[in-house]
Amino acid sequence: GPIEIFGPSKVFAQELRIASPQDQRFRWLVGGFYMHNDRRVNEQLYMPGAGAVLAPFGFPSDYLFDAHDHILSSEEALFGEANFDITPQLTLTAGARVFRNTLHVTDSADGIFAGGPSHVDRKLEESSTTPKFVLSYKLNPEVMFYAQAAKGYRIGQTGLAPPVDPVSGLPVPSVYGPDSLWNYEGGMKSTLAGGRLTLNVAAYYIDWTDIQLTQISPLGLS
């Protein structure tokens, strides 16, 4: 039968922002963010009659794979941004986000596709800062040119596969780390023909480090 993945998830998120008046030459915004996610995931692959066939091999259950995961994740972040009008047409923007992520996963699995009973306790903690810099020039109220450099970041996570591939006996990584990038971009944004035409043009270069990719184990688990 097909594998079933189900379970509840409870998320609490809160963000607070404080901003200066936006009609000033120097404008700023600061804030904080908190998120906590409590998630339980059950993964089951059930095949009627499988237990009778696999009993001589030590797997008398019709559940070929039966895993129960408890995933606790949280994020705390501080962020801020400032804008300064060097001239009425030229604006400099600088900002940054500082954050920390924590991940705690407990996993209990059984069945022939899990290689037998197993229990894994996985923890991952990471932090980073993602800055942004933008220089924009308003040629007129309808046309703006800009150049920016900004860092992107994607947190690591845990895999839900068993710690050892039962077919090959090779270890399966329990967690994977983050990836990050720098995006360098320049372009134009415009609203023309009395608002009837929007024309945006951009050129960019992305320098991406440690790209997260999906890998398939010999058993076929991702």
C-alpha atoms as a PDB file:
ATOM      1  CA  GLY A   1       0.000   0.000   0.000  1.00  0.00           C
ATOM      2  CA  PRO A   2       1.041   3.692  -0.202  1.00  0.00           C
ATOM      3  CA  ILE A   3       3.026   5.267   2.589  1.00  0.00           C
ATOM      4  CA  GLU A   4       0.912   7.458   4.875  1.00  0.00           C
ATOM      5  CA  ILE A   5       2.328  10.578   6.504  1.00  0.00           C
ATOM      6  CA  PHE A   6       0.143  12.332   9.064  1.00  0.00           C
ATOM      7  CA  GLY A   7       0.269  14.161  12.378  1.00  0.00           C
ATOM      8  CA  PRO A   8      -0.659  17.429  14.122  1.00  0.00           C
ATOM      9  CA  SER A   9       1.338  20.655  14.142  1.00  0.00           C
ATOM     10  CA  LYS A  10       1.058  23.595  16.534  1.00  0.00           C
ATOM     11  CA  VAL A  11       2.745  26.889  15.617  1.00  0.00           C
ATOM     12  CA  PHE A  12       3.100  30.082  17.631  1.00  0.00           C
ATOM     13  CA  ALA A  13       4.572  33.127  15.889  1.00  0.00           C
ATOM     14  CA  GLN A  14       4.869  36.744  16.973  1.00  0.00           C
ATOM     15  CA  GLU A  15       6.478  39.788  15.364  1.00  0.00           C
ATOM     16  CA  LEU A  16       6.891  43.300  16.715  1.00  0.00           C
ATOM     17  CA  ARG A  17       7.938  46.292  14.621  1.00  0.00           C
ATOM     18  CA  ILE A  18       8.691  49.921  15.475  1.00  0.00           C
ATOM     19  CA  ALA A  19       9.139  52.440  12.661  1.00  0.00           C
ATOM     20  CA  SER A  20       9.923  56.111  12.386  1.00  0.00           C
ATOM     21  CA  PRO A  21       7.730  58.556  10.426  1.00  0.00           C
ATOM     22  CA  GLN A  22       8.077  57.770   6.740  1.00  0.00           C
ATOM     23  CA  ASP A  23       8.015  61.374   5.546  1.00  0.00           C
ATOM     24  CA  GLN A  24      11.467  62.157   6.962  1.00  0.00           C
ATOM     25  CA  ARG A  25      14.782  62.246   5.096  1.00  0.00           C
ATOM     26  CA  PHE A  26      16.146  59.556   7.451  1.00  0.00           C
ATOM     27  CA  ARG A  27      13.770  56.657   8.101  1.00  0.00           C
ATOM     28  CA  TRP A  28      14.269  53.512  10.167  1.00  0.00           C
ATOM     29  CA  LEU A  29      12.544  50.325  11.226  1.00  0.00           C
ATOM     30  CA  VAL A  30      13.522  47.807  13.923  1.00  0.00           C
ATOM     31  CA  GLY A  31      11.767  44.665  15.061  1.00  0.00           C
ATOM     32  CA  GLY A  32      11.873  41.236  16.578  1.00  0.00           C
ATOM     33  CA  PHE A  33      10.453  37.868  15.589  1.00  0.00           C
ATOM     34  CA  TYR A  34       9.783  34.635  17.498  1.00  0.00           C
ATOM     35  CA  MET A  35       8.402  31.348  16.213  1.00  0.00           C
ATOM     36  CA  HIS A  36       7.917  27.956  17.894  1.00  0.00           C
ATOM     37  CA  ASN A  37       6.665  24.876  16.043  1.00  0.00           C
ATOM     38  CA  ASP A  38       5.671  21.643  17.793  1.00  0.00           C
ATOM     39  CA  ARG A  39       5.041  18.967  15.177  1.00  0.00           C
ATOM     40  CA  ARG A  40       4.401  15.239  15.357  1.00  0.00           C
ATOM     41  CA  VAL A  41       4.755  13.117  12.218  1.00  0.00           C
ATOM     42  CA  ASN A  42       3.766   9.482  11.777  1.00  0.00           C
ATOM     43  CA  GLU A  43       5.001   7.619   8.692  1.00  0.00           C
ATOM     44  CA  GLN A  44       3.537   4.203   8.013  1.00  0.00           C
ATOM     45  CA  LEU A  45       3.808   1.763   5.124  1.00  0.00           C
ATOM     46  CA  TYR A  46       1.306  -1.055   5.583  1.00  0.00           C
ATOM     47  CA  MET A  47       0.922  -4.176   3.437  1.00  0.00           C
ATOM     48  CA  PRO A  48      -1.626  -6.833   4.489  1.00  0.00           C
ATOM     49  CA  GLY A  49      -0.072 -10.283   4.726  1.00  0.00           C
ATOM     50  CA  ALA A  50       3.514  -9.037   4.729  1.00  0.00           C
ATOM     51  CA  GLY A  51       4.082 -10.142   8.312  1.00  0.00           C
ATOM     52  CA  ALA A  52       3.428 -13.799   7.530  1.00  0.00           C
ATOM     53  CA  VAL A  53       5.960 -13.719   4.694  1.00  0.00           C
ATOM     54  CA  LEU A  54       8.618 -11.769   6.621  1.00  0.00           C
ATOM     55  CA  ALA A  55       8.249 -13.520   9.986  1.00  0.00           C
ATOM     56  CA  PRO A  56      11.104 -15.974   9.254  1.00  0.00           C
ATOM     57  CA  PHE A  57      13.367 -12.950   8.745  1.00  0.00           C
ATOM     58  CA  GLY A  58      12.404 -11.418  12.095  1.00  0.00           C
ATOM     59  CA  PHE A  59       9.701  -8.991  10.882  1.00  0.00           C
ATOM     60  CA  PRO A  60       6.281 -10.464  11.773  1.00  0.00           C
ATOM     61  CA  SER A  61       4.370  -7.189  11.334  1.00  0.00           C
ATOM     62  CA  ASP A  62       2.338  -6.059   8.340  1.00  0.00           C
ATOM     63  CA  TYR A  63       3.916  -2.610   8.814  1.00  0.00           C
ATOM     64  CA  LEU A  64       6.939  -2.510   6.537  1.00  0.00           C
ATOM     65  CA  PHE A  65       7.841   0.917   7.902  1.00  0.00           C
ATOM     66  CA  ASP A  66       6.432   2.532  11.047  1.00  0.00           C
ATOM     67  CA  ALA A  67       8.057   5.751  12.272  1.00  0.00           C
ATOM     68  CA  HIS A  68       6.987   8.308  14.847  1.00  0.00           C
ATOM     69  CA  ASP A  69       8.734  11.682  14.911  1.00  0.00           C
ATOM     70  CA  HIS A  70       8.496  14.588  17.357  1.00  0.00           C
ATOM     71  CA  ILE A  71       9.909  17.786  15.862  1.00  0.00           C
ATOM     72  CA  LEU A  72      10.502  20.919  17.923  1.00  0.00           C
ATOM     73  CA  SER A  73      11.798  23.961  16.045  1.00  0.00           C
ATOM     74  CA  SER A  74      12.131  27.599  17.017  1.00  0.00           C
ATOM     75  CA  GLU A  75      13.521  30.837  15.640  1.00  0.00           C
ATOM     76  CA  GLU A  76      14.444  34.093  17.341  1.00  0.00           C
ATOM     77  CA  ALA A  77      15.423  37.084  15.235  1.00  0.00           C
ATOM     78  CA  LEU A  78      16.170  40.804  15.419  1.00  0.00           C
ATOM     79  CA  PHE A  79      16.043  42.939  12.294  1.00  0.00           C
ATOM     80  CA  GLY A  80      16.410  46.521  11.257  1.00  0.00           C
ATOM     81  CA  GLU A  81      16.542  48.766   8.220  1.00  0.00           C
ATOM     82  CA  ALA A  82      17.461  52.391   7.600  1.00  0.00           C
ATOM     83  CA  ASN A  83      16.796  54.621   4.595  1.00  0.00           C
ATOM     84  CA  PHE A  84      18.574  57.897   3.916  1.00  0.00           C
ATOM     85  CA  ASP A  85      17.745  60.287   1.087  1.00  0.00           C
ATOM     86  CA  ILE A  86      21.155  61.521  -0.070  1.00  0.00           C
ATOM     87  CA  THR A  87      19.263  63.775  -2.480  1.00  0.00           C
ATOM     88  CA  PRO A  88      15.540  63.922  -3.226  1.00  0.00           C
ATOM     89  CA  GLN A  89      16.174  61.407  -6.022  1.00  0.00           C
ATOM     90  CA  LEU A  90      18.974  59.219  -4.548  1.00  0.00           C
ATOM     91  CA  THR A  91      18.268  56.922  -1.567  1.00  0.00           C
ATOM     92  CA  LEU A  92      20.593  54.588   0.318  1.00  0.00           C
ATOM     93  CA  THR A  93      19.100  51.629   2.193  1.00  0.00           C
ATOM     94  CA  ALA A  94      20.923  49.330   4.602  1.00  0.00           C
ATOM     95  CA  GLY A  95      19.474  46.580   6.727  1.00  0.00           C
ATOM     96  CA  ALA A  96      20.242  43.314   8.468  1.00  0.00           C
ATOM     97  CA  ARG A  97      18.553  40.375  10.158  1.00  0.00           C
ATOM     98  CA  VAL A  98      20.237  38.454  12.984  1.00  0.00           C
ATOM     99  CA  PHE A  99      18.654  35.162  13.920  1.00  0.00           C
ATOM    100  CA  ARG A 100      19.093  31.831  15.664  1.00  0.00           C
ATOM    101  CA  ASN A 101      17.327  28.575  14.823  1.00  0.00           C
ATOM    102  CA  THR A 102      17.084  25.453  16.966  1.00  0.00           C
ATOM    103  CA  LEU A 103      15.809  22.045  15.920  1.00  0.00           C
ATOM    104  CA  HIS A 104      15.255  18.989  18.129  1.00  0.00           C
ATOM    105  CA  VAL A 105      13.915  15.764  16.647  1.00  0.00           C
ATOM    106  CA  THR A 106      13.260  12.412  18.304  1.00  0.00           C
ATOM    107  CA  ASP A 107      12.481   9.518  15.996  1.00  0.00           C
ATOM    108  CA  SER A 108      11.375   5.961  16.754  1.00  0.00           C
ATOM    109  CA  ALA A 109      11.046   3.549  13.842  1.00  0.00           C
ATOM    110  CA  ASP A 110      10.505  -0.137  13.193  1.00  0.00           C
ATOM    111  CA  GLY A 111       9.868  -2.482  10.278  1.00  0.00           C
ATOM    112  CA  ILE A 112      11.961  -4.120   7.616  1.00  0.00           C
ATOM    113  CA  PHE A 113      12.335  -0.855   5.668  1.00  0.00           C
ATOM    114  CA  ALA A 114      13.697   0.780   8.823  1.00  0.00           C
ATOM    115  CA  GLY A 115      16.214  -2.008   9.349  1.00  0.00           C
ATOM    116  CA  GLY A 116      14.500  -3.025  12.592  1.00  0.00           C
ATOM    117  CA  PRO A 117      13.842  -1.001  15.747  1.00  0.00           C
ATOM    118  CA  SER A 118      15.723   2.271  16.081  1.00  0.00           C
ATOM    119  CA  HIS A 119      15.581   5.443  18.122  1.00  0.00           C
ATOM    120  CA  VAL A 120      17.364   8.652  17.185  1.00  0.00           C
ATOM    121  CA  ASP A 121      17.683  11.925  19.082  1.00  0.00           C
ATOM    122  CA  ARG A 122      18.846  14.714  16.759  1.00  0.00           C
ATOM    123  CA  LYS A 123      19.683  18.314  17.611  1.00  0.00           C
ATOM    124  CA  LEU A 124      20.722  21.182  15.363  1.00  0.00           C
ATOM    125  CA  GLU A 125      21.390  24.817  16.238  1.00  0.00           C
ATOM    126  CA  GLU A 126      22.556  27.536  13.900  1.00  0.00           C
ATOM    127  CA  SER A 127      22.662  31.304  13.648  1.00  0.00           C
ATOM    128  CA  SER A 128      23.485  33.835  10.976  1.00  0.00           C
ATOM    129  CA  THR A 129      23.225  37.455   9.894  1.00  0.00           C
ATOM    130  CA  THR A 130      21.763  38.449   6.525  1.00  0.00           C
ATOM    131  CA  PRO A 131      22.548  42.036   5.442  1.00  0.00           C
ATOM    132  CA  LYS A 132      21.050  44.027   2.581  1.00  0.00           C
ATOM    133  CA  PHE A 133      22.280  47.156   0.780  1.00  0.00           C
ATOM    134  CA  VAL A 134      20.312  49.082  -1.840  1.00  0.00           C
ATOM    135  CA  LEU A 135      21.028  52.250  -3.796  1.00  0.00           C
ATOM    136  CA  SER A 136      18.032  53.618  -5.717  1.00  0.00           C
ATOM    137  CA  TYR A 137      17.630  56.590  -8.023  1.00  0.00           C
ATOM    138  CA  LYS A 138      14.252  58.051  -8.964  1.00  0.00           C
ATOM    139  CA  LEU A 139      14.571  59.584 -12.383  1.00  0.00           C
ATOM    140  CA  ASN A 140      10.998  60.851 -12.009  1.00  0.00           C
ATOM    141  CA  PRO A 141       7.859  59.665 -10.158  1.00  0.00           C
ATOM    142  CA  GLU A 142       7.369  56.919 -12.779  1.00  0.00           C
ATOM    143  CA  VAL A 143      10.914  55.523 -13.267  1.00  0.00           C
ATOM    144  CA  MET A 144      13.408  54.219 -10.698  1.00  0.00           C
ATOM    145  CA  PHE A 145      16.832  52.623 -11.169  1.00  0.00           C
ATOM    146  CA  TYR A 146      18.393  50.528  -8.416  1.00  0.00           C
ATOM    147  CA  ALA A 147      21.370  48.364  -7.452  1.00  0.00           C
ATOM    148  CA  GLN A 148      21.397  46.003  -4.502  1.00  0.00           C
ATOM    149  CA  ALA A 149      23.400  43.322  -2.733  1.00  0.00           C
ATOM    150  CA  ALA A 150      21.635  41.016  -0.297  1.00  0.00           C
ATOM    151  CA  LYS A 151      22.426  37.807   1.517  1.00  0.00           C
ATOM    152  CA  GLY A 152      19.971  34.916   1.636  1.00  0.00           C
ATOM    153  CA  TYR A 153      19.952  32.005   4.077  1.00  0.00           C
ATOM    154  CA  ARG A 154      18.008  28.763   4.361  1.00  0.00           C
ATOM    155  CA  ILE A 155      18.135  26.823   7.617  1.00  0.00           C
ATOM    156  CA  GLY A 156      19.170  23.191   7.894  1.00  0.00           C
ATOM    157  CA  GLN A 157      16.692  20.484   8.762  1.00  0.00           C
ATOM    158  CA  THR A 158      16.474  16.840   9.729  1.00  0.00           C
ATOM    159  CA  GLY A 159      15.761  13.936   7.418  1.00  0.00           C
ATOM    160  CA  LEU A 160      13.016  11.495   8.383  1.00  0.00           C
ATOM    161  CA  ALA A 161      14.727   8.452   6.878  1.00  0.00           C
ATOM    162  CA  PRO A 162      16.129   5.740   9.184  1.00  0.00           C
ATOM    163  CA  PRO A 163      19.723   6.275  10.391  1.00  0.00           C
ATOM    164  CA  VAL A 164      20.989   3.270   8.404  1.00  0.00           C
ATOM    165  CA  ASP A 165      19.817   2.196   4.957  1.00  0.00           C
ATOM    166  CA  PRO A 166      18.674  -1.422   5.460  1.00  0.00           C
ATOM    167  CA  VAL A 167      19.519  -2.462   1.889  1.00  0.00           C
ATOM    168  CA  SER A 168      23.131  -1.260   1.708  1.00  0.00           C
ATOM    169  CA  GLY A 169      23.910  -0.867   5.406  1.00  0.00           C
ATOM    170  CA  LEU A 170      25.264   2.607   4.696  1.00  0.00           C
ATOM    171  CA  PRO A 171      24.535   5.398   7.209  1.00  0.00           C
ATOM    172  CA  VAL A 172      21.931   7.992   6.232  1.00  0.00           C
ATOM    173  CA  PRO A 173      22.703  11.549   7.455  1.00  0.00           C
ATOM    174  CA  SER A 174      20.269  12.498  10.193  1.00  0.00           C
ATOM    175  CA  VAL A 175      20.526  16.274   9.696  1.00  0.00           C
ATOM    176  CA  TYR A 176      21.712  18.584   6.957  1.00  0.00           C
ATOM    177  CA  GLY A 177      23.179  22.033   7.328  1.00  0.00           C
ATOM    178  CA  PRO A 178      22.141  25.392   5.914  1.00  0.00           C
ATOM    179  CA  ASP A 179      22.837  26.924   2.553  1.00  0.00           C
ATOM    180  CA  SER A 180      23.345  30.605   1.819  1.00  0.00           C
ATOM    181  CA  LEU A 181      23.776  32.973  -1.089  1.00  0.00           C
ATOM    182  CA  TRP A 182      24.652  36.502  -2.082  1.00  0.00           C
ATOM    183  CA  ASN A 183      22.451  38.141  -4.687  1.00  0.00           C
ATOM    184  CA  TYR A 184      23.812  41.081  -6.696  1.00  0.00           C
ATOM    185  CA  GLU A 185      21.156  42.842  -8.742  1.00  0.00           C
ATOM    186  CA  GLY A 186      20.599  45.959 -10.789  1.00  0.00           C
ATOM    187  CA  GLY A 187      17.569  47.084 -12.702  1.00  0.00           C
ATOM    188  CA  MET A 188      14.732  49.458 -13.354  1.00  0.00           C
ATOM    189  CA  LYS A 189      11.136  49.683 -12.166  1.00  0.00           C
ATOM    190  CA  SER A 190       8.652  51.868 -13.976  1.00  0.00           C
ATOM    191  CA  THR A 191       4.985  52.679 -14.370  1.00  0.00           C
ATOM    192  CA  LEU A 192       4.286  54.233 -17.756  1.00  0.00           C
ATOM    193  CA  ALA A 193       1.398  55.371 -19.954  1.00  0.00           C
ATOM    194  CA  GLY A 194      -0.475  56.912 -17.069  1.00  0.00           C
ATOM    195  CA  GLY A 195      -0.339  53.699 -15.045  1.00  0.00           C
ATOM    196  CA  ARG A 196      -1.512  51.412 -17.840  1.00  0.00           C
ATOM    197  CA  LEU A 197       1.954  49.902 -18.459  1.00  0.00           C
ATOM    198  CA  THR A 198       4.351  48.437 -15.902  1.00  0.00           C
ATOM    199  CA  LEU A 199       7.888  47.739 -17.090  1.00  0.00           C
ATOM    200  CA  ASN A 200      10.502  46.136 -14.826  1.00  0.00           C
ATOM    201  CA  VAL A 201      13.976  45.075 -15.971  1.00  0.00           C
ATOM    202  CA  ALA A 202      16.615  43.347 -13.841  1.00  0.00           C
ATOM    203  CA  ALA A 203      19.988  41.665 -14.186  1.00  0.00           C
ATOM    204  CA  TYR A 204      21.395  39.624 -11.336  1.00  0.00           C
ATOM    205  CA  TYR A 205      24.209  37.333 -10.283  1.00  0.00           C
ATOM    206  CA  ILE A 206      23.780  34.768  -7.483  1.00  0.00           C
ATOM    207  CA  ASP A 207      26.686  33.191  -5.619  1.00  0.00           C
ATOM    208  CA  TRP A 208      25.137  30.111  -3.931  1.00  0.00           C
ATOM    209  CA  THR A 209      27.033  28.078  -1.318  1.00  0.00           C
ATOM    210  CA  ASP A 210      26.273  24.546  -0.035  1.00  0.00           C
ATOM    211  CA  ILE A 211      23.092  24.109  -2.082  1.00  0.00           C
ATOM    212  CA  GLN A 212      20.593  21.782  -0.396  1.00  0.00           C
ATOM    213  CA  LEU A 213      19.822  18.841  -2.679  1.00  0.00           C
ATOM    214  CA  THR A 214      17.579  15.791  -2.380  1.00  0.00           C
ATOM    215  CA  GLN A 215      19.396  12.456  -2.324  1.00  0.00           C
ATOM    216  CA  ILE A 216      17.846   9.009  -2.660  1.00  0.00           C
ATOM    217  CA  SER A 217      19.137   6.115  -0.554  1.00  0.00           C
ATOM    218  CA  PRO A 218      19.528   2.644  -2.148  1.00  0.00           C
ATOM    219  CA  LEU A 219      16.192   1.725  -0.549  1.00  0.00           C
ATOM    220  CA  GLY A 220      14.532   4.664  -2.303  1.00  0.00           C
ATOM    221  CA  LEU A 221      14.059   6.928   0.730  1.00  0.00           C
ATOM    222  CA  SER A 222      14.692  10.644   0.238  1.00  0.00           C
END
